[in-house]
Each structure stands twice: as structure tokens, then as C-alpha cells.
Protein backbone atom coordinates (compact mmCIF):
# COMPACT_ATOMS: atom_id res chain seq x y z
CA MET A 1 0.10 0.04 -0.06
CA SER A 2 1.02 3.59 -0.55
CA ASN A 3 1.89 5.57 2.52
CA SER A 4 1.74 8.96 0.76
CA ALA A 5 -1.73 9.79 1.90
CA PRO A 6 -2.36 13.15 3.74
CA SER A 7 -2.54 12.43 7.47
CA PHE A 8 -6.38 12.14 7.79
CA ARG A 9 -7.62 11.22 11.15
CA VAL A 10 -9.85 8.20 11.87
CA ALA A 11 -11.17 7.12 15.20
CA ILE A 12 -12.19 3.51 15.46
CA ALA A 13 -14.54 2.50 18.43
CA CYS A 14 -13.94 -1.11 19.02
CA GLY A 15 -13.72 -1.99 22.77
CA GLY A 16 -15.71 -4.28 24.98
CA THR A 17 -14.73 -7.70 23.59
CA GLY A 18 -11.97 -9.18 21.39
CA GLY A 19 -14.48 -9.80 18.76
CA HIS A 20 -14.93 -6.00 18.21
CA LEU A 21 -11.42 -5.02 19.13
CA PHE A 22 -9.47 -7.33 16.81
CA PRO A 23 -11.24 -6.54 13.65
CA GLY A 24 -10.92 -2.81 14.54
CA VAL A 25 -7.18 -3.39 14.99
CA ALA A 26 -6.98 -4.88 11.43
CA VAL A 27 -8.58 -1.75 9.88
CA ALA A 28 -6.39 0.55 11.92
CA ALA A 29 -3.35 -1.26 10.58
CA GLU A 30 -4.57 -0.85 6.98
CA LEU A 31 -5.29 2.80 7.54
CA ARG A 32 -1.94 3.46 9.03
CA GLU A 33 -0.20 1.81 6.09
CA ARG A 34 -1.99 4.59 3.98
CA GLY A 35 -0.56 7.30 6.07
CA CYS A 36 -3.75 7.95 8.29
CA VAL A 37 -3.60 8.97 11.84
CA VAL A 38 -5.69 6.38 13.70
CA ARG A 39 -6.73 6.06 17.37
CA LEU A 40 -8.62 3.13 18.93
CA LEU A 41 -11.41 3.92 21.38
CA ILE A 42 -11.74 1.01 23.83
CA SER A 43 -13.31 0.16 27.12
CA PRO A 44 -11.86 -0.16 30.69
CA LYS A 45 -12.41 -3.97 30.56
CA GLU A 46 -9.36 -6.10 31.34
CA ILE A 47 -9.64 -8.02 27.98
CA ASP A 48 -9.30 -4.70 26.06
CA GLN A 49 -6.22 -3.82 28.24
CA GLN A 50 -4.62 -7.34 27.48
CA ALA A 51 -5.48 -7.07 23.83
CA VAL A 52 -4.05 -3.65 23.02
CA ARG A 53 -0.80 -4.81 24.28
CA THR A 54 -0.47 -6.91 21.31
CA ALA A 55 -1.46 -4.08 19.01
CA ARG A 56 1.95 -2.59 18.72
CA ASP A 57 2.29 1.08 17.53
CA LEU A 58 -1.39 1.94 17.68
CA GLU A 59 -2.64 4.85 19.77
CA PHE A 60 -5.75 4.38 21.86
CA ASP A 61 -7.91 6.02 24.48
CA VAL A 62 -10.02 4.30 27.17
CA LEU A 63 -13.56 5.49 27.39
CA PRO A 64 -15.60 5.03 30.67
CA ALA A 65 -18.41 3.11 29.14
CA VAL A 66 -20.17 0.13 30.63
CA GLY A 67 -22.48 -2.43 28.93
CA LEU A 68 -26.16 -2.44 29.46
CA THR A 69 -27.34 -5.19 31.84
CA ARG A 70 -30.65 -5.92 33.39
CA GLY A 71 -30.99 -3.58 36.49
CA GLY A 72 -27.89 -1.65 35.32
CA ALA A 73 -29.51 1.23 33.36
CA LEU A 74 -28.30 3.95 35.58
CA ALA A 75 -24.64 2.74 35.46
CA PHE A 76 -25.06 2.31 31.61
CA ALA A 77 -26.38 5.97 31.43
CA LYS A 78 -23.63 7.29 33.50
CA GLY A 79 -20.95 5.41 31.49
CA PHE A 80 -22.46 6.47 28.11
CA ALA A 81 -22.41 10.08 29.31
CA GLY A 82 -18.94 9.96 30.53
CA ALA A 83 -17.77 8.14 27.32
CA TYR A 84 -19.39 10.93 25.25
CA ARG A 85 -17.75 13.64 27.22
CA SER A 86 -14.37 11.96 26.84
CA ALA A 87 -14.76 11.40 23.11
CA ALA A 88 -16.13 14.94 22.59
CA ALA A 89 -13.15 16.45 24.52
CA ALA A 90 -10.58 14.44 22.40
CA PHE A 91 -12.37 15.28 19.15
CA ARG A 92 -12.27 19.06 19.97
CA VAL A 93 -8.53 18.82 20.15
CA ASN A 94 -8.01 16.35 17.24
CA ARG A 95 -11.05 16.33 15.07
CA PRO A 96 -11.44 13.16 13.23
CA ASP A 97 -12.39 13.04 9.50
CA ALA A 98 -14.34 9.76 10.03
CA VAL A 99 -15.45 7.52 13.04
CA LEU A 100 -15.83 3.74 12.46
CA ALA A 101 -17.89 1.83 14.99
CA MET A 102 -17.25 -1.89 15.30
CA GLY A 103 -20.18 -2.69 17.46
CA GLY A 104 -20.62 -3.06 21.32
CA PHE A 105 -21.37 -0.63 24.02
CA THR A 106 -18.39 1.54 23.34
CA SER A 107 -19.39 2.39 19.79
CA ALA A 108 -22.30 4.88 20.17
CA PRO A 109 -20.89 7.73 22.18
CA PRO A 110 -17.85 8.21 19.75
CA VAL A 111 -20.07 8.28 16.79
CA LEU A 112 -22.46 10.86 18.29
CA ALA A 113 -19.38 12.94 19.28
CA GLY A 114 -17.89 12.58 15.91
CA ARG A 115 -21.07 13.66 14.18
CA ALA A 116 -21.16 16.70 16.37
CA VAL A 117 -17.82 17.92 15.05
CA GLY A 118 -18.64 17.05 11.51
CA ALA A 119 -17.03 13.69 11.15
CA LEU A 120 -18.26 11.02 8.84
CA ALA A 121 -19.59 7.99 10.48
CA PHE A 122 -19.52 4.22 9.45
CA LEU A 123 -20.09 0.84 11.22
CA HIS A 124 -18.88 -2.69 10.76
CA GLU A 125 -21.28 -5.55 11.80
CA SER A 126 -19.49 -8.95 12.04
CA ASN A 127 -22.40 -11.12 13.18
CA THR A 128 -25.36 -12.47 11.21
CA ILE A 129 -27.71 -10.65 13.69
CA PRO A 130 -26.63 -7.07 14.39
CA GLY A 131 -26.14 -6.00 17.85
CA LYS A 132 -28.30 -3.40 19.64
CA ALA A 133 -25.67 -0.67 19.43
CA ASN A 134 -25.21 -1.16 15.62
CA ARG A 135 -28.84 -1.49 14.87
CA TRP A 136 -29.37 1.97 16.58
CA LEU A 137 -26.27 3.53 15.09
CA SER A 138 -27.19 2.38 11.49
CA TRP A 139 -29.75 5.24 11.36
CA LEU A 140 -26.89 7.72 11.78
CA VAL A 141 -23.99 6.35 9.55
CA SER A 142 -23.13 6.88 5.99
CA GLU A 143 -22.42 3.34 5.16
CA ALA A 144 -22.40 -0.09 7.04
CA PHE A 145 -19.89 -2.89 6.32
CA VAL A 146 -21.10 -6.52 7.13
CA GLY A 147 -19.49 -9.77 7.65
CA PHE A 148 -22.53 -11.88 6.76
CA PRO A 149 -24.80 -10.82 3.79
CA GLU A 150 -28.02 -11.43 5.91
CA ALA A 151 -27.02 -8.81 8.42
CA ALA A 152 -27.53 -5.98 5.82
CA ASP A 153 -31.22 -6.39 5.89
CA ARG A 154 -31.41 -5.94 9.66
CA LEU A 155 -29.70 -2.49 9.49
CA HIS A 156 -31.32 0.81 8.63
CA THR A 157 -28.65 2.48 6.70
CA ALA A 158 -29.29 3.25 3.07
CA ARG A 159 -26.01 1.92 2.00
CA SER A 160 -24.32 -1.29 2.98
CA ARG A 161 -21.42 -3.38 1.55
CA MET A 162 -20.43 -7.10 2.16
CA THR A 163 -16.83 -6.92 3.15
CA GLY A 164 -16.35 -9.95 5.45
CA THR A 165 -14.86 -9.49 8.92
CA PRO A 166 -11.18 -8.20 8.92
CA VAL A 167 -8.45 -10.33 10.48
CA ARG A 168 -5.15 -9.03 11.55
CA PRO A 169 -2.26 -9.22 9.10
CA GLU A 170 -0.48 -12.16 10.86
CA PHE A 171 -3.44 -14.47 10.17
CA SER A 172 -2.30 -14.30 6.54
CA ALA A 173 1.51 -14.49 7.39
CA VAL A 174 1.48 -17.97 8.88
CA PRO A 175 0.06 -20.63 6.63
CA ALA A 176 -2.16 -23.38 8.01
CA GLY A 177 -1.91 -27.06 7.16
CA PRO A 178 0.75 -29.63 7.74
CA GLY A 179 4.45 -29.10 7.36
CA ALA A 180 7.22 -26.94 8.75
CA ALA A 181 4.88 -24.00 9.69
CA ARG A 182 2.68 -26.20 11.83
CA ALA A 183 5.70 -27.75 13.51
CA ALA A 184 7.26 -24.25 14.17
CA ALA A 185 3.91 -23.14 15.62
CA ARG A 186 3.56 -26.00 17.99
CA GLN A 187 7.20 -25.47 19.11
CA ALA A 188 6.71 -21.84 19.75
CA LEU A 189 3.64 -22.62 21.99
CA GLY A 190 5.51 -25.34 23.95
CA LEU A 191 3.69 -28.27 22.12
CA ALA A 192 5.22 -31.40 20.71
CA PRO A 193 5.62 -30.95 16.93
CA GLU A 194 4.50 -34.38 16.01
CA ARG A 195 1.31 -34.99 18.16
CA PRO A 196 -2.28 -34.31 16.85
CA THR A 197 -3.33 -30.99 18.41
CA LEU A 198 -6.70 -29.74 19.55
CA LEU A 199 -7.19 -26.06 20.26
CA VAL A 200 -9.91 -25.27 22.67
CA THR A 201 -11.05 -21.46 22.97
CA GLY A 202 -14.06 -19.87 24.46
CA GLY A 203 -13.24 -16.50 22.77
CA SER A 204 -11.50 -13.56 24.20
CA GLN A 205 -13.21 -13.85 27.69
CA GLY A 206 -13.16 -17.68 27.99
CA ALA A 207 -16.27 -19.89 28.50
CA ARG A 208 -16.86 -21.98 31.57
CA GLY A 209 -19.69 -23.95 29.86
CA LEU A 210 -17.38 -24.75 27.07
CA ASN A 211 -14.59 -25.81 29.29
CA ASP A 212 -16.79 -28.09 31.18
CA LEU A 213 -18.26 -29.69 28.14
CA VAL A 214 -14.63 -30.46 26.77
CA LEU A 215 -13.55 -31.86 30.09
CA ALA A 216 -16.55 -34.17 30.12
CA ALA A 217 -15.52 -35.41 26.53
CA LEU A 218 -11.71 -35.80 27.43
CA PRO A 219 -11.70 -39.29 28.78
CA GLN A 220 -13.29 -40.68 25.55
CA LEU A 221 -11.31 -38.45 23.28
CA ARG A 222 -8.19 -39.80 25.02
CA GLN A 223 -9.19 -43.20 24.16
CA LEU A 224 -9.95 -42.44 20.43
CA VAL A 225 -6.75 -40.37 20.02
CA PRO A 226 -4.10 -41.80 22.51
CA ASP A 227 -1.40 -39.31 21.45
CA LEU A 228 -3.54 -36.24 21.70
CA GLN A 229 -2.20 -32.88 22.98
CA LEU A 230 -4.15 -29.68 23.89
CA PHE A 231 -3.73 -25.99 23.55
CA HIS A 232 -6.64 -24.78 25.90
CA LEU A 233 -7.54 -21.18 26.40
CA THR A 234 -9.80 -21.15 29.44
CA GLY A 235 -10.47 -17.54 30.38
CA PRO A 236 -9.45 -16.20 33.83
CA ALA A 237 -11.26 -18.82 35.97
CA ASP A 238 -10.74 -22.27 35.01
CA ALA A 239 -6.99 -22.64 34.14
CA GLU A 240 -6.08 -24.72 37.21
CA LYS A 241 -9.18 -26.97 36.76
CA VAL A 242 -8.43 -27.70 33.18
CA THR A 243 -4.56 -28.32 34.05
CA ALA A 244 -5.52 -30.75 36.77
CA ALA A 245 -7.92 -32.73 34.58
CA CYS A 246 -5.50 -32.97 31.68
CA ALA A 247 -2.78 -34.15 34.15
CA ALA A 248 -5.15 -36.87 35.65
CA LEU A 249 -5.84 -38.24 32.10
CA GLN A 250 -2.06 -37.99 31.14
CA ILE A 251 -2.88 -35.78 28.26
CA PRO A 252 -0.12 -33.28 27.56
CA ALA A 253 -1.48 -29.70 27.57
CA VAL A 254 -0.60 -26.10 27.41
CA VAL A 255 -3.26 -24.26 29.37
CA ARG A 256 -3.47 -20.43 29.42
CA PRO A 257 -6.15 -17.96 30.51
CA PHE A 258 -5.54 -15.75 27.37
CA CYS A 259 -3.36 -15.92 24.19
CA GLY A 260 -2.18 -12.87 22.36
CA GLU A 261 -1.01 -15.08 19.57
CA MET A 262 -3.96 -16.66 18.25
CA HIS A 263 -2.48 -17.02 14.84
CA LEU A 264 0.10 -19.42 16.16
CA ALA A 265 -2.57 -21.32 18.28
CA LEU A 266 -4.62 -21.85 15.09
CA ALA A 267 -1.50 -22.58 12.92
CA ALA A 268 -0.57 -25.34 15.52
CA ALA A 269 -4.03 -26.82 15.56
CA ASP A 270 -5.37 -29.91 13.64
CA ALA A 271 -8.97 -28.93 14.81
CA VAL A 272 -10.55 -26.30 17.22
CA ILE A 273 -13.41 -26.47 19.52
CA SER A 274 -14.71 -22.76 19.75
CA ARG A 275 -17.51 -20.49 20.54
CA ALA A 276 -18.99 -18.89 17.46
CA GLY A 277 -18.13 -15.22 17.80
CA ALA A 278 -17.83 -13.66 14.38
CA SER A 279 -14.19 -12.55 14.82
CA SER A 280 -13.27 -15.97 16.02
CA LEU A 281 -14.88 -17.61 12.94
CA ALA A 282 -13.11 -15.16 10.54
CA GLU A 283 -9.73 -16.21 12.13
CA ILE A 284 -10.68 -19.91 11.91
CA ALA A 285 -11.64 -19.46 8.33
CA ALA A 286 -8.33 -17.48 7.49
CA MET A 287 -6.26 -20.43 8.99
CA ARG A 288 -8.49 -23.24 7.49
CA VAL A 289 -8.82 -25.05 10.78
CA PRO A 290 -11.64 -27.66 10.95
CA ALA A 291 -14.00 -26.57 13.70
CA LEU A 292 -16.69 -27.78 16.18
CA LEU A 293 -18.67 -24.71 17.15
CA VAL A 294 -20.40 -24.53 20.54
CA PRO A 295 -22.50 -21.34 20.54
CA PHE A 296 -22.67 -19.26 23.63
CA PRO A 297 -26.35 -19.80 24.62
CA ALA A 298 -26.73 -16.46 26.33
CA ALA A 299 -25.54 -14.42 23.30
CA THR A 300 -27.74 -11.47 22.52
CA ASP A 301 -30.43 -12.61 20.13
CA ASN A 302 -28.84 -15.91 20.03
CA HIS A 303 -26.45 -14.50 17.37
CA GLN A 304 -23.68 -17.03 17.82
CA PHE A 305 -26.18 -20.04 17.07
CA PHE A 306 -26.89 -18.25 13.59
CA ASN A 307 -23.21 -17.51 13.01
CA ALA A 308 -22.42 -21.21 13.46
CA LEU A 309 -25.39 -22.30 11.40
CA ALA A 310 -24.19 -20.18 8.51
CA PHE A 311 -20.85 -21.96 8.63
CA GLU A 312 -22.22 -25.53 9.13
CA GLN A 313 -24.72 -25.02 6.07
CA ALA A 314 -21.75 -24.08 3.92
CA GLY A 315 -19.82 -27.29 5.26
CA ALA A 316 -17.13 -25.09 6.96
CA ALA A 317 -17.87 -26.29 10.52
CA ARG A 318 -19.98 -28.51 12.73
CA LEU A 319 -22.51 -26.99 14.92
CA CYS A 320 -22.69 -28.52 18.47
CA PRO A 321 -25.23 -26.72 20.64
CA ALA A 322 -24.36 -26.96 24.27
CA ALA A 323 -27.81 -28.23 25.22
CA GLY A 324 -27.93 -31.17 22.73
CA THR A 325 -24.29 -32.32 22.37
CA THR A 326 -23.23 -35.21 24.59
CA PRO A 327 -19.57 -35.72 25.71
CA GLY A 328 -19.42 -38.79 23.54
CA ALA A 329 -20.73 -37.17 20.55
CA LEU A 330 -18.13 -34.25 20.86
CA ALA A 331 -15.44 -36.60 21.40
CA ALA A 332 -16.28 -38.67 18.22
CA SER A 333 -16.70 -35.57 16.10
CA THR A 334 -13.37 -34.16 17.53
CA ALA A 335 -11.53 -37.29 16.77
CA GLU A 336 -12.78 -37.43 13.13
CA LEU A 337 -11.57 -33.83 12.43
CA LEU A 338 -8.14 -34.34 14.08
CA GLY A 339 -6.83 -36.51 11.38
CA ALA A 340 -6.31 -36.20 7.53
CA THR A 341 -9.82 -37.67 7.05
CA PRO A 342 -12.28 -36.89 4.23
CA ALA A 343 -14.33 -34.75 6.54
CA ALA A 344 -11.44 -32.65 7.69
CA VAL A 345 -10.15 -32.06 4.17
CA ALA A 346 -13.72 -31.04 2.99
CA MET A 347 -14.08 -28.75 5.85
CA ARG A 348 -10.69 -27.04 5.22
CA GLY A 349 -11.73 -26.46 1.58
CA ALA A 350 -15.22 -25.04 2.66
CA LEU A 351 -13.58 -22.62 5.02
CA ALA A 352 -12.10 -20.72 2.17
CA GLN A 353 -15.43 -19.14 1.18
CA TRP A 354 -15.51 -17.41 4.60
CA HIS A 355 -12.00 -15.87 4.34
CA PHE A 356 -12.15 -12.26 3.09
CA PRO A 357 -8.32 -11.40 2.93
CA GLY A 358 -9.13 -7.91 1.57
CA ALA A 359 -11.72 -6.99 4.21
CA ALA A 360 -9.74 -4.32 5.95
CA ALA A 361 -8.59 -2.88 2.68
CA ARG A 362 -12.14 -2.66 1.31
CA ILE A 363 -13.28 -0.88 4.40
CA ALA A 364 -10.22 1.52 4.21
CA ASP A 365 -11.08 2.22 0.61
CA GLU A 366 -14.71 3.15 1.25
CA ILE A 367 -13.74 5.30 4.25
CA LEU A 368 -10.96 7.30 2.47
CA THR A 369 -13.03 7.63 -0.62
CA ALA A 370 -15.83 9.11 1.36
CA ILE A 371 -13.47 11.48 3.11
CA ALA A 372 -12.11 12.52 -0.31
CA LEU A 373 -15.43 13.13 -1.79
CA ALA A 374 -16.51 15.24 1.42
CA ARG A 375 -13.37 17.30 1.04
CA ALA A 376 -14.02 17.82 -2.69
CA ARG A 377 -17.54 19.06 -1.99
CA ALA A 378 -16.26 21.39 0.65
CA GLY A 379 -13.59 22.85 -1.61
CA GLY A 380 -10.55 21.06 -0.13
CA PRO A 381 -7.18 21.50 -1.83
CA PRO A 382 -7.17 19.43 -5.05
CA ALA A 383 -3.66 17.91 -4.46
CA ARG A 384 -4.65 16.79 -0.91
CA ILE A 385 -7.79 15.14 -2.34
CA ALA A 386 -5.95 13.58 -5.29
CA ALA A 387 -3.24 12.12 -2.92
CA LEU A 388 -5.88 10.67 -0.63
CA ALA A 389 -7.74 9.17 -3.78
CA ALA A 390 -4.44 7.58 -5.04
CA THR A 391 -4.38 5.39 -1.88
CA THR A 392 -7.73 3.76 -2.54
CA SER A 393 -8.90 1.32 -5.39
CA LEU A 394 -11.78 3.62 -6.08
CA SER A 395 -12.03 6.76 -8.05
CA VAL A 396 -13.30 10.13 -7.01
């Protein structure tokens, strides 16, 4: 990409979960490559603080927002107001040309604050069923970008574009599949290079229900795959429990609460058992890892179920609802996908249709072109507008 663009400013509101943050980081990296000044707007949650440590060279601000929970309307309102004031104060000093909302409770205040200072507004919706924040914001933005085509019909913006969900550049840098790259990834994570490897991940915040289901399946899985090893991301609460269970079954395992190197974890894996957050699915597709998807049953509007269903209907994963999946069934399905079986090979091929390697670039193109058009209408300097247009694949 060209790095000769004028230093236009883009704020990306992407905190609250890794599913919002990591795609935002991918877009931020693309915009920075084109010479833009980018700031991430994140929440005070620990997952955000952990994740941004892996986002090197990106600037960020923490907004005092809190999610809306039952009985928590007052705290939400106070957090919303505080986040709006913080964003507005920052935007008065460094006015953004555009604000991109990635969804979640940190998105709305920056979009409102950006609109108040004349910034363009955009959103990205990664799930099949848009979240509440994005459904509301879709009335206010110039364009919506979606990760699943069916999401567009549930938004209110007049303009939407199917881009897929961006993944960070490292997910393209480490190839999936057998060979030296897989062995190197396993060694980097403390795993044996030659053993069949199962990755278990509950998403950025872990998942106790998923952990318990996997532990219940492990005795039978150990019998089916005697040389199995695990790389298990438990979240903050279950690391000791999972470590003890693996030790009792004599299953070699690397157990961590959180992993900032998911590209290595997926590169190392023969198969993955995962929740069905859209960002996790995009990363699984990028690395072509056969997947068993256990949707989080309490997800808003049951959106993880519909994410997983879309992948299963395309042959790209198996849907394993927690309420209807026995430990024996999970063990049998996992064993089948751990080898070079016809099912695993077919799933790797089907995952290709859900990988959108140009997603971040397409989003950057649209944002930068819209800024260029806005500046042209406002009578901006022709040379500045031409330089910006040269960094996109579109014409102004």
C-alpha cells in the first residue's frame, strides 16, 4: 500500500470484547499503512487492556463506558455520558475526519461525538444478527460494512457493503496445514511438533460452559486419540481446573487464560473447539482449521447460533449446541476432524469461502474515498484530495 496519503484522522470505536477489538485493529493497521492517523477507542475492561498490548504502535484512548445489563440502566447511562464527554473532548482537540464503530457498548458515544464535530460515520457488523448498538447507530452512519450478507437487511442505513470481517495481518502470514509451519507454531507454543493437536477456545473472555463440556469429553477423546495434546484457552477462572484434569488423564496440555498469539494457536491446531463469535470464525476461516462450534447460549439474540449455522450450512464447521451435544458425540466428532480424514479435508476447503483477505482494505477504501468526496464538496485542496484518492482502489 502507498504511504503517501495525507494524515487524515480516523477514530475506531472497537472495545468491549476481542470480537470488536481485533477487527478494529486490522482496519487501523490498514489505514496506518496508507498514512492516516488512527486512534482506537476502547473500554476499561481487562480484555481490552490485554489485547491492546499486542497491538503495537497503535494509539488508543479508554472510554468510561459500561455495558447495558438488567438492572444496570443507571450505570449504563452514566458510562454513556462519560464516554461521550471523553470522546467529545478528544475530538475537539484532534477532530477526526471519520469515526468507525465496530459494534458493542463503546461504539455509540464516539459516533455521536464525531457527528457533532462534522466527522463522517461508519459501522462494521460482524455477526449475522446485528447487535443493539449497531442497529441503533445504523440510522446515523453513511455506510455499513457487514461480515455476513444477511446482516445488511437488519440494519437501517441506506448503503451497505459485504466486506467480510477483517482479521489481523498475521493470520495471513502463517500458513495453515501440515508441514514445517505447523511444527514451528507448535514448538513456539511449547507443544510437541508431531502430536495431533486440539485447540480449545471460548473466545476472548473464555467460556466456563465450553470448558466443562470439553472436560467431560476428554476421557473418551483420550481413548480415541491416544497421542492427543491440547492447547486450551480457558479464560481467567478455569486454568487450574483444566490443567488438573489433563494431568489426571495424562494428556499433554498447554493451558492459558488468554493468548495474544492466536495466529500461532490456530496454525498449530489440527482442529478447534470454539465459541461462534464472528471474529473467531473469521480467524478460523483464515487459517483453515476444521472446527466444532459450541455457540454461547446467552449471546444477545442467539447470534452465535446463527453464525455457526451459516458455517455449518456451508460445510465449513459442525454446529454443536451445548444443550444437545453429549460428551461422547463431541469426542467422536473431534477425533474425526483431528486426522487427515475426508471430513477434515472437505471442511478446510469449505472454510475458504468465509475468508475475506481484503476486508480491511475494502473498508479502508470506502472510508478514504468518502473523506475525499466530502473534502471535494467542501472545496478542499485538489492536491490533498488527489493524494488521498491515490491510496484507494476507487475513483473520486
